[in-house]
Protein backbone atom coordinates (compact mmCIF):
# COMPACT_ATOMS: atom_id res chain seq x y z
CA MET A 1 0.00 0.00 0.00
CA VAL A 2 1.31 3.42 -0.92
CA ALA A 3 0.96 4.96 2.54
CA ALA A 4 3.11 2.24 4.03
CA VAL A 5 6.18 2.94 1.92
CA THR A 6 8.53 5.88 1.69
CA PHE A 7 11.24 5.85 -0.90
CA PRO A 8 15.01 6.29 -0.74
CA GLY A 9 16.08 9.91 -0.95
CA GLN A 10 13.67 11.12 1.71
CA ALA A 11 15.55 9.82 4.74
CA GLN A 12 16.65 12.15 7.50
CA VAL A 13 17.57 9.82 10.36
CA ALA A 14 19.49 6.55 10.63
CA GLU A 15 19.45 4.98 14.08
CA ILE A 16 21.00 1.85 15.55
CA VAL A 17 18.15 0.48 17.64
CA GLY A 18 19.09 -0.95 21.02
CA ASN A 19 22.53 -2.40 21.68
CA PRO A 20 24.50 -4.48 19.16
CA THR A 21 24.20 -8.21 19.81
CA VAL A 22 27.49 -10.10 20.17
CA ASN A 23 27.78 -13.85 19.53
CA ASP A 24 31.41 -15.01 19.57
CA ASP A 25 33.01 -12.58 17.12
CA ARG A 26 29.79 -12.03 15.17
CA VAL A 27 28.02 -8.73 15.80
CA THR A 28 24.45 -7.89 14.77
CA VAL A 29 23.01 -4.39 14.58
CA ARG A 30 19.41 -3.38 13.93
CA VAL A 31 18.95 -0.15 11.98
CA LYS A 32 15.90 2.06 11.60
CA VAL A 33 15.77 4.70 8.86
CA LYS A 34 13.17 7.48 9.04
CA ASP A 35 12.21 10.47 6.94
CA ALA A 36 11.59 14.04 8.11
CA GLU A 37 8.06 13.12 9.21
CA GLU A 38 9.30 10.21 11.37
CA LYS A 39 7.93 7.72 8.84
CA PRO A 40 9.96 4.57 8.13
CA VAL A 41 11.99 4.44 4.93
CA MET A 42 11.42 1.06 3.36
CA GLY A 43 12.77 -0.48 0.16
CA LEU A 44 16.48 0.09 0.81
CA GLN A 45 19.07 -2.46 -0.36
CA ASP A 46 22.25 -3.80 1.22
CA THR A 47 24.30 -1.52 -1.05
CA ASN A 48 22.74 1.51 0.68
CA PHE A 49 24.46 0.61 3.96
CA LYS A 50 28.04 0.94 5.15
CA LEU A 51 29.43 -0.07 8.54
CA SER A 52 32.32 1.55 10.38
CA VAL A 53 33.84 0.00 13.50
CA ASP A 54 36.21 2.23 15.44
CA SER A 55 36.25 4.59 12.43
CA LYS A 56 37.33 1.82 10.02
CA GLU A 57 35.00 0.41 7.38
CA VAL A 58 33.94 -3.19 7.92
CA GLN A 59 32.58 -5.31 5.10
CA PHE A 60 29.53 -7.53 5.41
CA LYS A 61 28.16 -10.15 3.05
CA ASN A 62 24.90 -9.80 1.17
CA LYS A 63 23.47 -12.83 2.98
CA ASP A 64 24.17 -11.11 6.31
CA TRP A 65 21.92 -8.17 5.46
CA LYS A 66 18.16 -8.43 5.99
CA SER A 67 15.33 -6.11 5.02
CA PRO A 68 12.59 -5.31 7.56
CA GLU A 69 10.41 -7.99 5.96
CA GLU A 70 13.20 -10.58 6.32
CA SER A 71 14.63 -9.71 9.72
CA THR A 72 13.46 -11.37 12.90
CA PRO A 73 11.08 -8.86 14.48
CA PRO A 74 11.92 -7.68 17.99
CA PRO A 75 9.46 -8.41 20.80
CA ALA A 76 6.75 -5.76 20.86
CA TRP A 77 3.79 -4.81 23.02
CA ILE A 78 1.09 -2.77 21.27
CA ILE A 79 -1.96 -1.22 22.89
CA VAL A 80 -4.67 0.01 20.53
CA LEU A 81 -6.81 2.68 22.19
CA LEU A 82 -10.09 2.71 20.27
CA ASP A 83 -12.42 5.68 20.63
CA PHE A 84 -15.88 4.36 21.57
CA SER A 85 -17.69 7.69 21.63
CA GLY A 86 -21.13 8.03 20.09
CA SER A 87 -19.79 9.73 16.99
CA MET A 88 -18.02 6.48 16.04
CA ASP A 89 -21.49 5.13 15.23
CA LYS A 90 -21.82 7.75 12.47
CA PRO A 91 -20.85 7.12 8.81
CA ASP A 92 -17.42 8.01 7.44
CA SER A 93 -16.76 9.69 4.09
CA ARG A 94 -17.69 6.49 2.23
CA GLY A 95 -20.86 5.80 4.18
CA THR A 96 -19.45 3.06 6.43
CA LYS A 97 -20.03 3.38 10.15
CA LYS A 98 -16.75 4.52 11.66
CA ILE A 99 -16.70 1.78 14.29
CA GLU A 100 -17.19 -0.84 11.57
CA GLY A 101 -14.44 0.71 9.47
CA ALA A 102 -12.08 0.91 12.44
CA ILE A 103 -12.62 -2.71 13.45
CA LYS A 104 -12.22 -3.87 9.85
CA ALA A 105 -8.91 -1.99 9.65
CA ILE A 106 -7.73 -3.45 12.97
CA ARG A 107 -8.52 -6.96 11.68
CA HIS A 108 -6.34 -6.26 8.67
CA PHE A 109 -3.63 -4.96 11.00
CA THR A 110 -3.68 -8.15 13.10
CA ASN A 111 -3.53 -10.29 9.95
CA MET A 112 -0.37 -8.46 8.88
CA LEU A 113 1.09 -9.04 12.33
CA LYS A 114 0.50 -12.79 12.00
CA GLU A 115 2.97 -12.80 9.13
CA ARG A 116 5.54 -10.33 10.47
CA GLY A 117 5.21 -9.97 14.22
CA GLU A 118 5.43 -13.40 15.77
CA ASN A 119 6.84 -11.85 18.95
CA THR A 120 4.13 -9.18 19.14
CA GLN A 121 1.40 -8.95 21.76
CA ILE A 122 -1.67 -6.76 21.20
CA ALA A 123 -4.28 -5.34 23.56
CA LEU A 124 -7.47 -3.72 22.25
CA VAL A 125 -8.80 -1.12 24.68
CA PRO A 126 -12.02 0.80 23.92
CA PHE A 127 -12.36 4.07 25.80
CA GLY A 128 -15.12 6.59 26.46
CA GLU A 129 -16.70 8.60 29.25
CA PRO A 130 -20.07 7.38 30.62
CA GLY A 131 -23.27 9.37 30.18
CA THR A 132 -26.87 9.34 31.35
CA THR A 133 -27.79 6.36 29.18
CA CYS A 134 -24.30 5.01 28.50
CA GLN A 135 -22.07 3.10 30.90
CA GLY A 136 -18.95 4.12 29.01
CA ASN A 137 -15.68 2.23 28.60
CA PRO A 138 -13.31 2.74 31.53
CA VAL A 139 -9.56 2.40 31.08
CA ASN A 140 -7.69 0.83 33.97
CA GLU A 141 -5.08 -1.85 34.60
CA GLU A 142 -7.66 -4.60 34.23
CA THR A 143 -9.00 -3.40 30.88
CA ILE A 144 -5.51 -2.63 29.54
CA ASP A 145 -3.76 -5.85 30.53
CA LYS A 146 -5.47 -8.13 28.02
CA PHE A 147 -2.69 -8.94 25.59
CA PHE A 148 -2.92 -11.64 22.95
CA PRO A 149 -0.53 -12.83 20.24
CA ALA A 150 -1.58 -11.70 16.78
CA ASN A 151 -2.51 -15.27 15.80
CA ASP A 152 -4.59 -15.95 18.93
CA PHE A 153 -8.27 -16.61 18.17
CA LYS A 154 -9.16 -14.73 21.37
CA LEU A 155 -8.03 -11.52 19.71
CA GLN A 156 -10.49 -12.06 16.88
CA ASN A 157 -13.19 -12.95 19.40
CA ASN A 158 -12.53 -9.65 21.13
CA LEU A 159 -12.94 -7.80 17.84
CA ASP A 160 -16.19 -9.66 17.20
CA TYR A 161 -17.45 -8.61 20.61
CA LEU A 162 -16.54 -4.95 20.05
CA ALA A 163 -18.25 -5.06 16.65
CA SER A 164 -21.47 -6.16 18.35
CA LEU A 165 -21.54 -3.08 20.61
CA THR A 166 -22.94 0.35 19.86
CA PRO A 167 -20.59 3.23 20.76
CA CYS A 168 -22.32 5.79 22.96
CA ALA A 169 -19.71 7.40 25.23
CA SER A 170 -18.22 10.88 25.13
CA THR A 171 -14.58 11.50 24.28
CA ASN A 172 -11.87 12.00 26.86
CA LEU A 173 -8.61 11.67 24.96
CA TYR A 174 -5.97 12.47 27.54
CA ASN A 175 -6.94 10.46 30.61
CA PRO A 176 -7.06 7.03 28.88
CA LEU A 177 -3.75 7.76 27.19
CA GLN A 178 -2.15 8.80 30.48
CA LYS A 179 -3.27 5.59 32.18
CA THR A 180 -1.97 3.50 29.29
CA VAL A 181 1.42 5.22 29.29
CA ARG A 182 1.76 4.73 33.04
CA PHE A 183 0.90 1.05 32.62
CA LEU A 184 3.67 0.54 30.06
CA ALA A 185 6.07 2.69 32.09
CA ASN A 186 6.11 0.21 34.98
CA THR A 187 9.80 -0.73 35.00
CA LYS A 188 9.13 -3.59 37.43
CA ASP A 189 7.16 -5.47 34.78
CA PRO A 190 9.61 -7.98 33.22
CA ARG A 191 7.47 -8.20 30.09
CA PHE A 192 8.34 -4.63 29.16
CA TYR A 193 11.76 -4.13 30.73
CA ILE A 194 14.73 -6.51 30.70
CA PRO A 195 18.10 -6.12 32.50
CA GLU A 196 20.47 -3.61 30.91
CA ASP A 197 23.16 -6.26 30.47
CA SER A 198 20.80 -8.70 28.75
CA SER A 199 21.78 -9.86 25.27
CA GLN A 200 18.11 -9.99 24.27
CA PRO A 201 16.62 -7.07 22.29
CA LYS A 202 14.60 -4.64 24.33
CA PRO A 203 10.84 -4.94 23.80
CA ARG A 204 9.29 -2.21 21.69
CA LEU A 205 6.47 -0.43 23.50
CA SER A 206 3.84 1.34 21.44
CA ILE A 207 0.36 2.85 21.70
CA ILE A 208 -1.95 3.47 18.75
CA LEU A 209 -4.57 6.09 19.56
CA LEU A 210 -7.50 5.99 17.13
CA SER A 211 -10.08 8.72 17.65
CA ASP A 212 -12.70 10.69 15.78
CA GLY A 213 -13.07 13.39 18.42
CA TYR A 214 -11.34 15.73 20.82
CA HIS A 215 -10.72 16.17 24.53
CA ASN A 216 -13.92 17.94 25.57
CA ALA A 217 -13.03 18.74 29.18
CA SER A 218 -13.23 22.37 30.28
CA ASN A 219 -9.62 22.40 31.53
CA GLU A 220 -8.19 21.05 28.27
CA GLU A 221 -5.02 23.16 28.37
CA GLN A 222 -4.09 21.95 31.85
CA ASP A 223 -4.89 18.33 31.01
CA PHE A 224 -2.76 18.51 27.88
CA GLN A 225 0.18 19.95 29.80
CA GLU A 226 0.01 17.07 32.28
CA LEU A 227 -0.07 14.61 29.39
CA THR A 228 2.86 16.38 27.74
CA ASN A 229 4.99 16.08 30.87
CA LEU A 230 4.18 12.38 31.16
CA LEU A 231 5.03 11.66 27.52
CA LYS A 232 8.34 13.51 27.79
CA ARG A 233 9.31 11.43 30.83
CA ASN A 234 8.52 8.24 28.93
CA SER A 235 9.71 9.04 25.42
CA HIS A 236 10.66 5.38 24.84
CA ILE A 237 6.93 4.60 24.64
CA ILE A 238 5.99 5.51 21.09
CA VAL A 239 2.49 6.89 20.53
CA HIS A 240 1.07 6.86 17.01
CA THR A 241 -2.15 8.81 16.51
CA LEU A 242 -4.84 8.29 13.91
CA GLY A 243 -7.65 10.78 13.41
CA TYR A 244 -10.78 9.37 11.77
CA GLY A 245 -13.03 11.84 9.98
CA LEU A 246 -12.92 15.02 7.94
CA THR A 247 -9.90 17.25 8.36
CA PRO A 248 -10.36 20.75 9.83
CA ARG A 249 -9.96 22.20 6.34
CA GLN A 250 -12.57 19.84 4.89
CA LEU A 251 -14.97 20.78 7.69
CA GLY A 252 -14.35 24.45 6.94
CA ILE A 253 -15.41 23.88 3.35
CA LYS A 254 -18.40 21.73 4.30
CA TYR A 255 -19.84 24.34 6.67
CA GLY A 256 -18.92 27.41 4.63
CA ILE A 257 -16.39 28.78 7.11
CA GLY A 258 -13.73 29.22 4.44
CA ARG A 259 -10.75 28.07 6.52
CA ALA A 260 -9.55 25.20 8.67
CA VAL A 261 -11.81 25.03 11.72
CA THR A 262 -10.64 25.03 15.34
CA ARG A 263 -12.19 24.18 18.68
CA ARG A 264 -13.68 27.68 18.78
CA ASP A 265 -15.86 26.81 15.79
CA ILE A 266 -17.66 23.97 17.57
CA GLY A 267 -21.32 24.68 18.18
CA THR A 268 -24.74 24.84 16.55
CA GLY A 269 -26.16 27.18 13.98
CA ARG A 270 -24.73 28.99 11.00
CA GLY A 271 -20.94 29.10 10.76
CA LYS A 272 -20.51 26.42 13.42
CA VAL A 273 -19.29 22.81 13.28
CA PRO A 274 -21.25 20.06 15.07
CA GLU A 275 -19.37 18.66 18.04
CA ALA A 276 -19.68 15.09 16.72
CA GLU A 277 -17.72 15.94 13.56
CA PHE A 278 -14.73 17.81 14.97
CA VAL A 279 -11.48 15.85 15.26
CA ASP A 280 -8.59 17.60 16.99
CA LYS A 281 -5.95 17.05 14.32
CA GLN A 282 -3.53 19.50 15.93
CA ARG A 283 -3.49 17.82 19.34
CA LEU A 284 -3.20 14.36 17.83
CA ALA A 285 -0.18 15.53 15.84
CA GLU A 286 1.41 17.10 18.92
CA ILE A 287 0.96 13.90 20.93
CA ALA A 288 2.68 11.80 18.26
CA LYS A 289 5.53 14.28 17.82
CA LEU A 290 6.33 14.27 21.54
CA THR A 291 7.22 10.57 21.39
CA GLY A 292 8.67 10.29 17.88
CA GLY A 293 5.46 8.67 16.66
CA ILE A 294 3.50 9.21 13.47
CA ALA A 295 0.30 11.25 13.18
CA GLU A 296 -2.08 10.36 10.36
CA PHE A 297 -5.58 11.41 9.40
CA SER A 298 -8.05 9.25 7.48
CA GLY A 299 -11.55 9.66 6.18
CA ASP A 300 -12.44 6.03 5.50
CA SER A 301 -11.62 2.47 6.56
CA GLU A 302 -9.30 1.75 3.63
CA ALA A 303 -7.11 4.71 4.51
CA ILE A 304 -7.23 3.64 8.17
CA ALA A 305 -5.89 0.20 7.20
CA GLU A 306 -3.08 1.75 5.16
CA ASN A 307 -2.06 3.96 8.05
CA LEU A 308 -2.07 1.05 10.48
CA GLN A 309 0.35 -0.72 8.14
CA LEU A 310 2.50 2.40 8.23
CA PHE A 311 2.50 2.22 12.04
CA LEU A 312 3.47 -1.45 11.82
CA ASN A 313 6.43 -0.61 9.61
CA ALA A 314 7.46 2.09 12.06
CA LEU A 315 7.36 -0.44 14.89
CA LEU A 316 8.97 -3.45 13.19
CA GLY A 317 10.66 -1.81 10.19
CA GLU A 318 14.27 -2.45 11.18
CA TYR A 319 17.08 -3.53 8.88
CA GLU A 320 19.44 -6.14 10.29
CA ILE A 321 23.17 -6.41 9.52
CA THR A 322 25.60 -9.01 10.88
CA TYR A 323 29.37 -8.76 10.50
CA THR A 324 32.56 -10.35 11.81
CA GLN A 325 34.51 -8.28 14.31
CA PRO A 326 38.10 -7.87 13.02
CA ASP A 327 40.79 -9.11 15.45
CA ALA A 328 38.26 -9.94 18.15
CA GLU A 329 39.69 -10.07 21.66
CA ARG A 330 37.98 -10.88 24.92
CA GLY A 331 36.84 -7.76 26.76
CA ALA A 332 37.71 -5.42 23.90
CA LYS A 333 35.33 -2.48 23.54
CA HIS A 334 34.29 -1.18 20.13
CA LYS A 335 31.94 1.35 18.56
CA VAL A 336 29.94 0.78 15.40
CA LYS A 337 28.36 3.39 13.16
CA VAL A 338 26.04 2.98 10.18
CA THR A 339 26.02 5.20 7.10
CA VAL A 340 23.08 5.11 4.70
CA THR A 341 23.83 6.31 1.16
CA TYR A 342 21.37 7.12 -1.63
CA LYS A 343 21.55 7.26 -5.40
CA ASP A 344 22.06 11.01 -5.37
CA GLY A 345 25.01 10.64 -3.00
CA GLN A 346 23.16 11.88 0.07
CA GLN A 347 24.49 10.25 3.24
CA ILE A 348 22.92 9.89 6.67
CA GLU A 349 25.04 8.71 9.59
CA SER A 350 23.85 7.14 12.80
CA LEU A 351 25.27 7.90 16.20
CA PRO A 352 27.86 5.29 17.23
CA LYS A 353 26.84 2.45 19.54
CA GLY A 354 29.28 0.65 21.81
CA TYR A 355 29.63 -3.07 22.53
CA THR A 356 32.09 -5.49 24.16
CA ILE A 357 33.49 -8.72 22.72
CA THR A 358 32.87 -11.47 25.26
CA VAL A 359 35.05 -14.32 23.85
CA PHE A 360 38.27 -14.79 21.92
CA GLY A 361 36.96 -14.51 18.43
CA ARG A 362 35.24 -17.21 16.46
CA SER A 363 34.95 -20.77 17.74
CA PHE A 364 36.67 -23.55 15.77
CA PRO A 365 34.49 -26.08 13.91
CA LEU A 366 33.37 -29.09 15.95
CA SER A 367 35.79 -31.51 14.25
CA ILE A 368 38.79 -29.31 15.10
CA ARG A 369 37.60 -28.81 18.68
CA LEU A 370 37.28 -32.60 19.11
CA GLY A 371 40.78 -33.06 17.72
CA ILE A 372 42.15 -30.51 20.17
CA LEU A 373 40.36 -32.27 23.04
CA ILE A 374 41.77 -35.68 22.08
CA CYS A 375 45.30 -34.29 21.76
CA THR A 376 44.97 -32.55 25.12
CA LEU A 377 43.83 -35.77 26.83
CA LEU A 378 46.66 -37.69 25.17
CA LEU A 379 49.24 -35.18 26.36
CA LEU A 380 47.80 -35.27 29.86
CA SER A 381 47.96 -39.05 29.90
CA LEU A 382 51.55 -39.11 28.65
CA GLY A 383 52.64 -36.29 30.90
CA GLY A 384 50.73 -37.47 33.95
CA VAL A 385 50.57 -41.30 33.84
CA ALA A 386 54.01 -42.08 32.31
CA PRO A 387 56.08 -40.50 35.15
CA PHE A 388 54.16 -42.50 37.75
CA TYR A 389 54.73 -45.69 35.71
CA PHE A 390 58.49 -45.22 35.51
CA TRP A 391 58.69 -44.11 39.15
CA GLY A 392 56.83 -47.23 40.22
CA LYS A 393 59.14 -49.38 38.11
CA HIS A 394 62.17 -47.70 39.69
CA LEU A 395 60.89 -48.39 43.20
CA LYS A 396 60.24 -52.03 42.27
CA ASN A 397 63.80 -52.47 40.95
CA GLN A 398 65.17 -50.95 44.13
CA ALA A 399 63.16 -53.37 46.23
CA LEU A 400 64.40 -56.37 44.22
CA GLY A 401 67.99 -55.13 44.52
CA ASP A 402 67.71 -54.99 48.28
């Protein structure tokens, strides 16, 4: 899908994700390449990458380079926050009820994960404030902590259940997101945080916020500032946002306002925008930017599905390169840097990442190691048993002589 791919030449950032993995003298790095809008750059080839270790170029073989589709995906925990406000029961730009379009897109998203994200766990969390005739959808530790693998039938059952419900709540964007971030920020949870010295890749933590509304509390500015502070403290938790509906500019045209609408234009009557149709595109974009996430806006379910694939690429879209450490020595510390080059000669360099060699270079093949073991045992037997044999013989001769 077009929205899921950005092409070489647009990249702005190359990043070595996590710490390099060392196995004997073989080192593996995972590399993420993003454009100016934080979107993943896909479609690169092995010839676009160059490795430098301690400022010296290191060669790697074609078979030791893997594209994001080929590389083993890192463990990931994804929470999809799904707006369950009453406006989600309204039709989108193609006439499909938004809740139906959203669930259809999420099904497509989980099907993609079955193929690419075998180490990925997903939780679907509807949210919405209760009303006079609506019990709402509370967000708490119990409702959040319902993760399933992408290929688990329980995940599909959960989607079936949500599809059978009628959204009726009012939108509170910030509070559910705050609770979800705090849940993932629990450093005592071994699912999300592993020891710093672990050789395993760190789990990727991500939230997808899908909403067709805005934070309608009276103290919106204060609430947003609290959310901002929380997101800044937990910038490793990536939040992608997806607005579902007409853009502010499209609403301005629809209601004859002649410009992109804002919160001040919400109301009834001439020159006003109905509350149920306003989606706070600006705030959604700000939330994503604070965490290095992606903010997208869609008017129908097909575009929603494309954007969810874009989020998936952002989460799992990492290139993988393995190389042999030259002159590997136990305990030696090194720094690796990746340079991404494009057809026009543009180059993007990553920041260097350090690692330590834990053994003396590459292990010998099994046959050679067995040969060394046999020779060692033979030498020990000759050097250890033979002296005792001759000493015993000497003592025996002495005894006979006496």
